[in-house]
Amino acid sequence: MAYRSIDPSTGELIAEHADATDAEIETVLQAAADASAALPSLEQRIAAMRAIAQAFRDREAELAETIAREMGKPLPEGVGEVRLSAAIWEWYADRPELLGSRDIETTWRGREARVELRPIGPLIGVMPWNFPYYQVARLAAPNLLLGNPVIIKHAGSCTGAALAMQEIADAAGLQAGVYQTVLATNEQIAGMIEDPRVQGVSLTGSERAGAAVAEVAGRALKRCVLELGGSDPFIVLGTDDLDTLVATAIAARTRNAGQACTAAKRFIVHESLHDAFVEKLVVGMAALRIGSPLEEGVEMGPLSSEAAAAQLVGQVESAVAEGATLVAGGRRIDRPGAFVEPGVLTGVDRRMRVWHEELFGPVAIVVPVRDAAEAVEVANDSPFGLGANVFDTDEAQAEWVAQRLEVGMVSIGAFGVSRPELPFGGVKRSGFGRELGPDAVLEFANRRLVTQPTS
């Protein structure tokens, strides 16, 4: 059974749910098609979106506890995710002007032209376990504003969160079929993408999952947005406050136990700062309080599952076998649950497998570089291109580096920020398309051209 919620702190089964039947899949698809044909008004959709945002705020403690139990996120981080999700729903509800038409100047035969944004129809969202509420909001909010019904297939380990969101959407007064949760198998999702009633698919997940979805979508000539893995560089070329910078680095590597696509994973540090950076990083990582995500004061919980912990430790062991140095951590903690020590790897080079992989957990790779040019070369020597962070006391040099990074997002002087108004997405094997900000409304819009005689 694919939909099983297991507490990663204890290994105990929380709940399990049966996969959807083919008849249930058909009901979902037809409901979405019917909702698309008889769409609620913009005013009704906005009212429902505001109600969803308020429900997230009213239920933040409960919702945070649900994902603490299902995927190990500490309660303060869970509350932060819930609040960000509410902010996303509200941001789009406050901006109906994003749907306004755009006039185009033309001299063609005395006519005038405009581009209108129109919905294209039902969409499927294939969602991950690491940010259960936030990821759904990124797809659903802009598309419900536009008028595209959404069908959400969530990760099997976070069904409690998925069903809670469905309950919130239903209570907000959305017409049947506008927002639906489906407990589908991978094979059923492939069939749904191919169904002519579905017009697009968005996936957040692994490269493997993204390639599988893109293949099906391509054969079916369906639009898709893919937000995949990342191995984000955290470039340090100069600092006036190494202690504060290392504290930022630790947060960037261990938030959500390092299980974020935009977590800093490769620390590319000027050779003059490298040894001190590593020393302080090791001390700071070791000082983190690790434990149950439900306990007050815990800074890092378990990884999401036993499989995730085993994969991370296996990658660390592979790197060491190939010649890397495990300075600290990177091993299983001797206690029940999927706990892994925060770790630091040095001596990693491009001949090693781990150089080209994503470490989806709290293990940092630190690489020394001679100058800004080498930092750019190392940062770009990756199959991924999601985000990057640049720190330097020389502002002009930081800007020079940022301009040359092959990524979809770069932050200078700060760890990457996620806000409703800021477009999110990557290049290379990190995927394509954008979520959040005004751009998200365009991804699944019919940008329809209208020309008519000049009035």
Protein backbone atom coordinates (compact mmCIF):
# COMPACT_ATOMS: atom_id res chain seq x y z
CA MET A 1 0.00 0.00 0.00
CA ALA A 2 1.58 3.27 -1.18
CA TYR A 3 -0.16 5.61 1.24
CA ARG A 4 1.38 4.79 4.62
CA SER A 5 2.28 7.46 7.17
CA ILE A 6 5.13 6.35 9.44
CA ASP A 7 6.54 8.46 12.24
CA PRO A 8 10.24 8.79 11.32
CA SER A 9 11.11 9.52 14.95
CA THR A 10 9.92 6.12 16.12
CA GLY A 11 9.20 3.99 13.08
CA GLU A 12 5.60 3.56 14.25
CA LEU A 13 2.75 3.37 11.74
CA ILE A 14 0.43 6.38 12.03
CA ALA A 15 -2.13 5.52 9.37
CA GLU A 16 -2.56 3.82 6.05
CA HIS A 17 -4.99 4.47 3.25
CA ALA A 18 -6.09 2.42 0.28
CA ASP A 19 -5.02 3.45 -3.20
CA ALA A 20 -7.73 5.00 -5.32
CA THR A 21 -9.72 2.68 -7.54
CA ASP A 22 -9.92 3.30 -11.28
CA ALA A 23 -13.57 4.25 -10.80
CA GLU A 24 -12.58 6.88 -8.23
CA ILE A 25 -9.97 8.26 -10.64
CA GLU A 26 -12.64 8.61 -13.32
CA THR A 27 -14.91 10.45 -10.89
CA VAL A 28 -12.11 12.87 -10.03
CA LEU A 29 -11.28 13.55 -13.67
CA GLN A 30 -14.89 14.17 -14.61
CA ALA A 31 -15.46 16.43 -11.62
CA ALA A 32 -12.46 18.52 -12.65
CA ALA A 33 -13.71 18.73 -16.24
CA ASP A 34 -17.17 19.75 -15.04
CA ALA A 35 -15.70 22.41 -12.76
CA SER A 36 -13.63 23.76 -15.63
CA ALA A 37 -16.71 24.04 -17.82
CA ALA A 38 -18.76 25.82 -15.12
CA LEU A 39 -16.07 27.78 -13.34
CA PRO A 40 -16.89 29.75 -10.18
CA SER A 41 -16.62 33.50 -10.66
CA LEU A 42 -13.36 35.29 -9.89
CA GLU A 43 -14.99 36.85 -6.84
CA GLN A 44 -16.03 33.42 -5.55
CA ARG A 45 -12.55 32.00 -6.13
CA ILE A 46 -10.90 34.90 -4.33
CA ALA A 47 -13.28 34.56 -1.37
CA ALA A 48 -12.43 30.86 -1.12
CA MET A 49 -8.70 31.57 -1.31
CA ARG A 50 -8.99 34.07 1.55
CA ALA A 51 -10.89 31.49 3.58
CA ILE A 52 -8.15 28.92 2.92
CA ALA A 53 -5.48 31.38 4.08
CA GLN A 54 -7.41 32.10 7.28
CA ALA A 55 -7.96 28.40 7.96
CA PHE A 56 -4.23 27.78 7.71
CA ARG A 57 -3.63 30.52 10.27
CA ASP A 58 -6.39 29.29 12.58
CA ARG A 59 -5.11 25.70 12.48
CA GLU A 60 -1.35 26.31 12.38
CA ALA A 61 -0.53 24.35 15.54
CA GLU A 62 -2.52 21.31 14.43
CA LEU A 63 -1.15 21.40 10.88
CA ALA A 64 2.43 21.76 12.13
CA GLU A 65 1.99 18.78 14.45
CA THR A 66 0.67 16.67 11.56
CA ILE A 67 3.83 17.08 9.49
CA ALA A 68 6.05 16.77 12.56
CA ARG A 69 4.60 13.30 13.00
CA GLU A 70 4.51 12.38 9.32
CA MET A 71 7.88 13.62 8.07
CA GLY A 72 9.86 14.82 11.09
CA LYS A 73 9.79 18.61 10.76
CA PRO A 74 10.34 20.43 14.10
CA LEU A 75 7.25 22.32 15.24
CA PRO A 76 8.66 25.85 14.81
CA GLU A 77 9.65 25.04 11.22
CA GLY A 78 6.24 23.51 10.61
CA VAL A 79 4.50 26.63 11.91
CA GLY A 80 6.70 28.70 9.61
CA GLU A 81 5.68 26.56 6.63
CA VAL A 82 1.99 26.89 7.49
CA ARG A 83 2.29 30.67 7.77
CA LEU A 84 4.14 30.92 4.48
CA SER A 85 1.46 28.81 2.81
CA ALA A 86 -1.24 31.12 4.16
CA ALA A 87 0.72 34.11 2.87
CA ILE A 88 0.88 32.56 -0.62
CA TRP A 89 -2.87 31.98 -0.75
CA GLU A 90 -3.51 35.52 0.43
CA TRP A 91 -0.94 37.11 -1.91
CA TYR A 92 -2.70 35.74 -4.97
CA ALA A 93 -6.16 36.53 -3.59
CA ASP A 94 -5.01 40.15 -3.25
CA ARG A 95 -3.88 40.39 -6.87
CA PRO A 96 -6.69 39.82 -9.36
CA GLU A 97 -4.90 42.39 -11.54
CA LEU A 98 -2.47 39.61 -12.48
CA LEU A 99 -5.22 38.36 -14.78
CA GLY A 100 -5.61 41.70 -16.59
CA SER A 101 -5.18 41.91 -20.34
CA ARG A 102 -2.05 43.49 -21.84
CA ASP A 103 -2.35 45.93 -24.72
CA ILE A 104 0.09 45.56 -27.60
CA GLU A 105 1.05 48.45 -29.87
CA THR A 106 0.61 47.48 -33.51
CA THR A 107 0.41 49.37 -36.80
CA TRP A 108 -1.18 46.47 -38.64
CA ARG A 109 -4.14 47.70 -40.76
CA GLY A 110 -5.41 50.13 -38.15
CA ARG A 111 -6.20 47.42 -35.65
CA GLU A 112 -5.58 47.18 -31.92
CA ALA A 113 -4.42 44.10 -30.07
CA ARG A 114 -4.33 42.71 -26.60
CA VAL A 115 -3.29 39.51 -24.82
CA GLU A 116 -5.76 37.97 -22.38
CA LEU A 117 -4.92 35.39 -19.73
CA ARG A 118 -7.38 32.52 -19.79
CA PRO A 119 -7.41 29.18 -17.94
CA ILE A 120 -6.55 26.06 -19.91
CA GLY A 121 -8.31 23.47 -17.75
CA PRO A 122 -7.59 20.82 -15.11
CA LEU A 123 -4.05 20.34 -13.86
CA ILE A 124 -2.35 17.58 -11.92
CA GLY A 125 0.11 18.39 -9.15
CA VAL A 126 2.50 15.62 -8.10
CA MET A 127 3.76 16.77 -4.73
CA PRO A 128 6.66 15.85 -2.40
CA TRP A 129 6.82 15.10 1.31
CA ASN A 130 9.36 17.69 2.44
CA PHE A 131 7.12 20.79 2.35
CA PRO A 132 3.61 19.33 2.20
CA TYR A 133 1.62 22.57 2.56
CA TYR A 134 3.96 25.04 0.88
CA GLN A 135 4.44 23.01 -2.30
CA VAL A 136 0.70 22.65 -2.82
CA ALA A 137 0.11 26.37 -2.27
CA ARG A 138 2.73 27.20 -4.91
CA LEU A 139 0.72 25.36 -7.56
CA ALA A 140 -2.86 25.67 -6.35
CA ALA A 141 -3.09 29.36 -5.39
CA PRO A 142 -2.03 30.96 -8.70
CA ASN A 143 -4.01 28.43 -10.72
CA LEU A 144 -7.21 28.77 -8.73
CA LEU A 145 -6.89 32.52 -9.21
CA LEU A 146 -6.54 31.91 -12.95
CA GLY A 147 -9.35 29.36 -12.99
CA ASN A 148 -7.60 26.03 -13.55
CA PRO A 149 -8.99 23.21 -11.37
CA VAL A 150 -6.23 21.25 -9.61
CA ILE A 151 -5.91 17.57 -8.75
CA ILE A 152 -3.27 16.96 -6.08
CA LYS A 153 -1.39 13.68 -5.81
CA HIS A 154 0.61 13.94 -2.59
CA ALA A 155 3.45 11.84 -1.27
CA GLY A 156 2.22 8.64 0.33
CA SER A 157 3.90 9.44 3.64
CA CYS A 158 2.01 12.73 4.15
CA THR A 159 -1.57 11.72 3.58
CA GLY A 160 -2.67 13.32 6.85
CA ALA A 161 -1.46 16.69 5.61
CA ALA A 162 -3.04 16.10 2.20
CA LEU A 163 -6.44 15.25 3.67
CA ALA A 164 -6.27 18.23 6.03
CA MET A 165 -5.75 20.54 3.04
CA GLN A 166 -8.68 18.92 1.24
CA GLU A 167 -10.85 19.52 4.29
CA ILE A 168 -9.78 23.18 4.35
CA ALA A 169 -10.52 23.60 0.64
CA ASP A 170 -13.96 21.99 1.00
CA ALA A 171 -14.84 24.20 3.97
CA ALA A 172 -13.79 27.30 2.01
CA GLY A 173 -16.76 26.83 -0.29
CA LEU A 174 -14.97 25.80 -3.45
CA GLN A 175 -17.21 24.19 -6.03
CA ALA A 176 -16.86 20.42 -6.32
CA GLY A 177 -14.01 19.49 -8.63
CA VAL A 178 -12.03 22.74 -8.28
CA TYR A 179 -9.56 21.32 -5.72
CA GLN A 180 -9.27 17.56 -5.31
CA THR A 181 -6.89 15.15 -3.58
CA VAL A 182 -6.34 11.77 -5.15
CA LEU A 183 -4.52 8.77 -3.63
CA ALA A 184 -3.37 7.53 -7.01
CA THR A 185 -0.65 5.07 -7.96
CA ASN A 186 2.15 6.12 -10.29
CA GLU A 187 0.52 4.15 -13.08
CA GLN A 188 -2.80 5.89 -12.50
CA ILE A 189 -1.10 9.30 -12.54
CA ALA A 190 0.47 8.47 -15.90
CA GLY A 191 -2.96 7.59 -17.24
CA MET A 192 -4.42 10.80 -15.84
CA ILE A 193 -1.75 12.92 -17.50
CA GLU A 194 -2.60 11.26 -20.82
CA ASP A 195 -6.33 11.85 -20.34
CA PRO A 196 -7.61 14.58 -22.71
CA ARG A 197 -9.46 16.28 -19.86
CA VAL A 198 -6.15 17.11 -18.17
CA GLN A 199 -4.21 20.03 -19.65
CA GLY A 200 -0.99 20.15 -17.63
CA VAL A 201 1.08 18.70 -14.83
CA SER A 202 3.43 20.14 -12.23
CA LEU A 203 5.86 17.98 -10.28
CA THR A 204 8.20 18.72 -7.43
CA GLY A 205 10.49 15.82 -6.68
CA SER A 206 13.48 13.83 -7.84
CA GLU A 207 15.15 13.83 -11.24
CA ARG A 208 13.88 10.31 -11.81
CA ALA A 209 10.28 11.25 -11.07
CA GLY A 210 10.58 14.40 -13.14
CA ALA A 211 11.93 12.52 -16.15
CA ALA A 212 9.10 9.98 -15.90
CA VAL A 213 6.41 12.67 -15.72
CA ALA A 214 8.00 14.74 -18.49
CA GLU A 215 8.12 11.68 -20.76
CA VAL A 216 4.41 11.02 -20.32
CA ALA A 217 3.53 14.71 -20.64
CA GLY A 218 5.64 15.02 -23.77
CA ARG A 219 3.95 12.08 -25.47
CA ALA A 220 0.57 13.54 -24.55
CA LEU A 221 1.60 17.08 -25.60
CA LYS A 222 0.78 18.46 -22.16
CA ARG A 223 2.42 21.42 -20.51
CA CYS A 224 4.54 20.65 -17.49
CA VAL A 225 6.52 22.46 -14.81
CA LEU A 226 9.29 20.55 -13.05
CA GLU A 227 10.99 21.58 -9.81
CA LEU A 228 13.61 18.93 -9.22
CA GLY A 229 16.78 18.46 -7.21
CA GLY A 230 19.48 20.92 -6.35
CA SER A 231 23.04 21.01 -5.11
CA ASP A 232 23.14 24.69 -4.27
CA PRO A 233 26.54 26.32 -3.78
CA PHE A 234 27.17 28.56 -0.77
CA ILE A 235 30.13 30.63 -1.91
CA VAL A 236 32.30 32.39 0.69
CA LEU A 237 35.02 34.69 -0.66
CA GLY A 238 35.27 37.15 2.21
CA THR A 239 33.60 38.05 5.50
CA ASP A 240 33.93 40.48 8.39
CA ASP A 241 32.10 38.12 10.76
CA LEU A 242 32.92 34.46 10.28
CA ASP A 243 30.90 33.34 13.32
CA THR A 244 27.67 34.84 11.99
CA LEU A 245 28.39 33.54 8.51
CA VAL A 246 28.92 29.99 9.79
CA ALA A 247 25.69 30.19 11.78
CA THR A 248 23.92 31.10 8.52
CA ALA A 249 25.67 28.22 6.78
CA ILE A 250 24.51 25.75 9.42
CA ALA A 251 20.92 26.92 9.11
CA ALA A 252 21.19 26.73 5.33
CA ARG A 253 22.41 23.13 5.51
CA THR A 254 20.27 21.70 8.34
CA ARG A 255 16.85 23.35 7.98
CA ASN A 256 14.30 20.56 7.59
CA ALA A 257 17.20 18.18 8.36
CA GLY A 258 18.81 19.29 5.13
CA GLN A 259 15.91 17.92 3.10
CA ALA A 260 15.21 20.92 0.91
CA CYS A 261 15.98 21.30 -2.77
CA THR A 262 17.36 24.79 -2.09
CA ALA A 263 19.36 23.83 0.99
CA ALA A 264 23.01 24.85 0.73
CA LYS A 265 24.85 21.63 -0.03
CA ARG A 266 28.26 22.64 -1.38
CA PHE A 267 30.25 25.20 0.59
CA ILE A 268 32.80 26.76 -1.74
CA VAL A 269 35.18 28.71 0.48
CA HIS A 270 38.23 30.84 -0.26
CA GLU A 271 41.34 28.97 0.79
CA SER A 272 42.30 31.70 3.29
CA LEU A 273 39.05 31.05 5.21
CA HIS A 274 38.65 27.32 4.56
CA ASP A 275 40.23 25.79 7.66
CA ALA A 276 38.61 28.21 10.11
CA PHE A 277 35.27 27.80 8.33
CA VAL A 278 35.43 24.01 8.61
CA GLU A 279 36.45 24.14 12.26
CA LYS A 280 33.56 26.43 13.21
CA LEU A 281 31.14 24.49 11.02
CA VAL A 282 31.99 21.22 12.78
CA VAL A 283 31.57 22.78 16.23
CA GLY A 284 28.26 24.40 15.31
CA MET A 285 26.83 21.26 13.71
CA ALA A 286 27.77 19.19 16.76
CA ALA A 287 26.01 21.68 19.04
CA LEU A 288 22.63 21.32 17.34
CA ARG A 289 19.94 19.81 19.54
CA ILE A 290 18.59 16.75 17.74
CA GLY A 291 15.47 14.90 18.79
CA SER A 292 11.76 14.40 18.34
CA PRO A 293 10.26 17.22 16.26
CA LEU A 294 7.53 17.51 18.89
CA GLU A 295 9.99 18.40 21.66
CA GLU A 296 10.50 22.03 22.57
CA GLY A 297 13.92 23.39 21.66
CA VAL A 298 14.77 20.69 19.12
CA GLU A 299 16.65 22.21 16.19
CA MET A 300 16.75 19.18 13.91
CA GLY A 301 14.52 16.17 13.71
CA PRO A 302 14.96 12.84 11.93
CA LEU A 303 15.17 12.39 8.22
CA SER A 304 11.84 11.65 6.60
CA SER A 305 12.24 7.87 6.53
CA GLU A 306 14.58 4.97 7.11
CA ALA A 307 15.17 4.81 3.36
CA ALA A 308 16.22 8.47 3.27
CA ALA A 309 18.64 7.98 6.17
CA ALA A 310 20.15 4.87 4.61
CA GLN A 311 20.64 6.61 1.26
CA LEU A 312 22.42 9.60 2.82
CA VAL A 313 24.75 7.45 4.92
CA GLY A 314 25.47 5.33 1.86
CA GLN A 315 26.49 8.42 -0.11
CA VAL A 316 28.81 9.52 2.70
CA GLU A 317 30.41 6.08 2.90
CA SER A 318 30.88 6.07 -0.88
CA ALA A 319 32.62 9.45 -0.75
CA VAL A 320 34.96 8.26 2.01
CA ALA A 321 35.75 5.09 0.08
CA GLU A 322 36.72 7.24 -2.92
CA GLY A 323 39.10 9.36 -0.82
CA ALA A 324 37.04 12.09 0.84
CA THR A 325 37.50 12.91 4.53
CA LEU A 326 34.55 12.72 6.89
CA VAL A 327 35.61 15.39 9.37
CA ALA A 328 32.61 14.83 11.62
CA GLY A 329 29.13 13.31 11.74
CA GLY A 330 27.45 11.73 8.75
CA ARG A 331 26.54 8.53 10.61
CA ARG A 332 23.36 7.06 12.03
CA ILE A 333 22.58 8.08 15.59
CA ASP A 334 22.16 5.14 17.94
CA ARG A 335 18.52 5.63 18.83
CA PRO A 336 15.14 4.65 17.37
CA GLY A 337 14.13 6.64 14.31
CA ALA A 338 15.74 7.85 11.10
CA PHE A 339 18.28 10.13 12.77
CA VAL A 340 21.61 11.04 11.13
CA GLU A 341 24.36 13.16 12.65
CA PRO A 342 24.98 16.47 10.88
CA GLY A 343 28.24 15.93 9.02
CA VAL A 344 31.07 17.66 7.16
CA LEU A 345 32.95 16.19 4.18
CA THR A 346 36.20 17.63 2.83
CA GLY A 347 38.56 16.47 0.13
CA VAL A 348 35.70 15.84 -2.29
CA ASP A 349 36.70 16.24 -5.93
CA ARG A 350 35.00 15.93 -9.29
CA ARG A 351 36.17 12.34 -9.82
CA MET A 352 33.91 11.21 -6.96
CA ARG A 353 30.33 10.19 -7.44
CA VAL A 354 29.09 12.46 -4.66
CA TRP A 355 30.46 15.55 -6.49
CA HIS A 356 27.65 15.15 -9.04
CA GLU A 357 24.89 14.04 -6.67
CA GLU A 358 22.50 15.77 -4.32
CA LEU A 359 22.98 15.06 -0.60
CA PHE A 360 19.41 15.24 0.67
CA GLY A 361 20.24 15.46 4.35
CA PRO A 362 22.41 17.34 6.86
CA VAL A 363 25.87 16.66 5.42
CA ALA A 364 27.93 19.56 4.04
CA ILE A 365 30.65 19.34 1.40
CA VAL A 366 33.35 22.01 1.82
CA VAL A 367 35.63 22.81 -1.12
CA PRO A 368 38.51 25.35 -1.03
CA VAL A 369 39.08 27.70 -4.00
CA ARG A 370 41.85 30.15 -4.86
CA ASP A 371 39.73 32.99 -6.21
CA ALA A 372 36.37 34.11 -7.57
CA ALA A 373 36.95 32.57 -10.99
CA GLU A 374 37.60 29.14 -9.51
CA ALA A 375 34.54 29.53 -7.26
CA VAL A 376 32.38 30.07 -10.35
CA GLU A 377 33.95 27.09 -12.11
CA VAL A 378 33.35 24.78 -9.14
CA ALA A 379 29.82 26.07 -8.56
CA ASN A 380 28.84 25.52 -12.19
CA ASP A 381 30.42 22.04 -12.35
CA SER A 382 27.17 20.39 -11.37
CA PRO A 383 24.26 18.84 -13.21
CA PHE A 384 21.96 20.99 -11.08
CA GLY A 385 21.12 24.67 -11.36
CA LEU A 386 18.51 25.62 -8.80
CA GLY A 387 19.81 28.26 -6.37
CA ALA A 388 23.06 29.76 -5.10
CA ASN A 389 24.31 32.03 -2.33
CA VAL A 390 27.28 34.40 -2.53
CA PHE A 391 29.06 36.05 0.40
CA ASP A 392 31.90 38.51 -0.04
CA THR A 393 33.06 41.78 1.51
CA ASP A 394 33.78 42.98 -2.03
CA GLU A 395 30.31 43.84 -3.38
CA ALA A 396 31.50 44.24 -6.97
CA GLN A 397 33.16 40.82 -6.91
CA ALA A 398 30.04 39.23 -5.37
CA GLU A 399 27.98 40.67 -8.22
CA TRP A 400 30.57 39.42 -10.75
CA VAL A 401 30.25 35.92 -9.34
CA ALA A 402 26.45 36.02 -9.19
CA GLN A 403 26.19 37.04 -12.84
CA ARG A 404 28.15 33.96 -13.91
CA LEU A 405 26.33 31.27 -11.94
CA GLU A 406 24.24 28.79 -13.93
CA VAL A 407 21.22 28.81 -11.61
CA GLY A 408 17.63 29.96 -11.58
CA MET A 409 17.99 31.94 -8.33
CA VAL A 410 20.93 33.60 -6.60
CA SER A 411 21.10 35.49 -3.31
CA ILE A 412 23.96 37.86 -2.55
CA GLY A 413 24.79 38.34 1.12
CA ALA A 414 21.98 36.10 2.38
CA PHE A 415 20.71 32.55 2.27
CA GLY A 416 17.98 32.15 -0.37
CA VAL A 417 14.63 33.65 0.50
CA SER A 418 11.22 32.18 -0.37
CA ARG A 419 8.43 34.71 -0.61
CA PRO A 420 5.05 34.65 -2.40
CA GLU A 421 6.10 37.44 -4.76
CA LEU A 422 9.46 35.94 -5.79
CA PRO A 423 9.57 33.52 -8.76
CA PHE A 424 11.01 30.10 -7.88
CA GLY A 425 12.66 27.62 -10.23
CA GLY A 426 15.86 26.35 -11.77
CA VAL A 427 17.77 25.40 -14.89
CA LYS A 428 19.75 22.38 -16.07
CA ARG A 429 18.65 19.18 -14.29
CA SER A 430 16.89 21.18 -11.60
CA GLY A 431 13.90 21.48 -13.92
CA PHE A 432 12.08 24.19 -15.80
CA GLY A 433 9.19 26.58 -15.36
CA ARG A 434 8.53 28.96 -12.48
CA GLU A 435 6.32 28.90 -9.42
CA LEU A 436 5.33 31.84 -7.20
CA GLY A 437 5.25 35.51 -8.15
CA PRO A 438 3.43 36.81 -11.23
CA ASP A 439 5.25 34.24 -13.40
CA ALA A 440 3.32 31.35 -11.86
CA VAL A 441 0.04 32.57 -13.34
CA LEU A 442 1.56 32.41 -16.83
CA GLU A 443 2.79 28.81 -16.74
CA PHE A 444 -0.64 27.25 -17.27
CA ALA A 445 -2.41 30.18 -18.90
CA ASN A 446 -3.74 30.51 -22.42
CA ARG A 447 -2.15 33.82 -23.36
CA ARG A 448 -4.79 34.50 -25.98
CA LEU A 449 -4.24 37.19 -28.59
CA VAL A 450 -7.24 39.28 -29.61
CA THR A 451 -7.15 41.80 -32.47
CA GLN A 452 -10.00 44.09 -33.51
CA PRO A 453 -10.60 47.33 -35.39
CA THR A 454 -9.35 50.42 -33.60
CA SER A 455 -12.26 51.98 -31.74
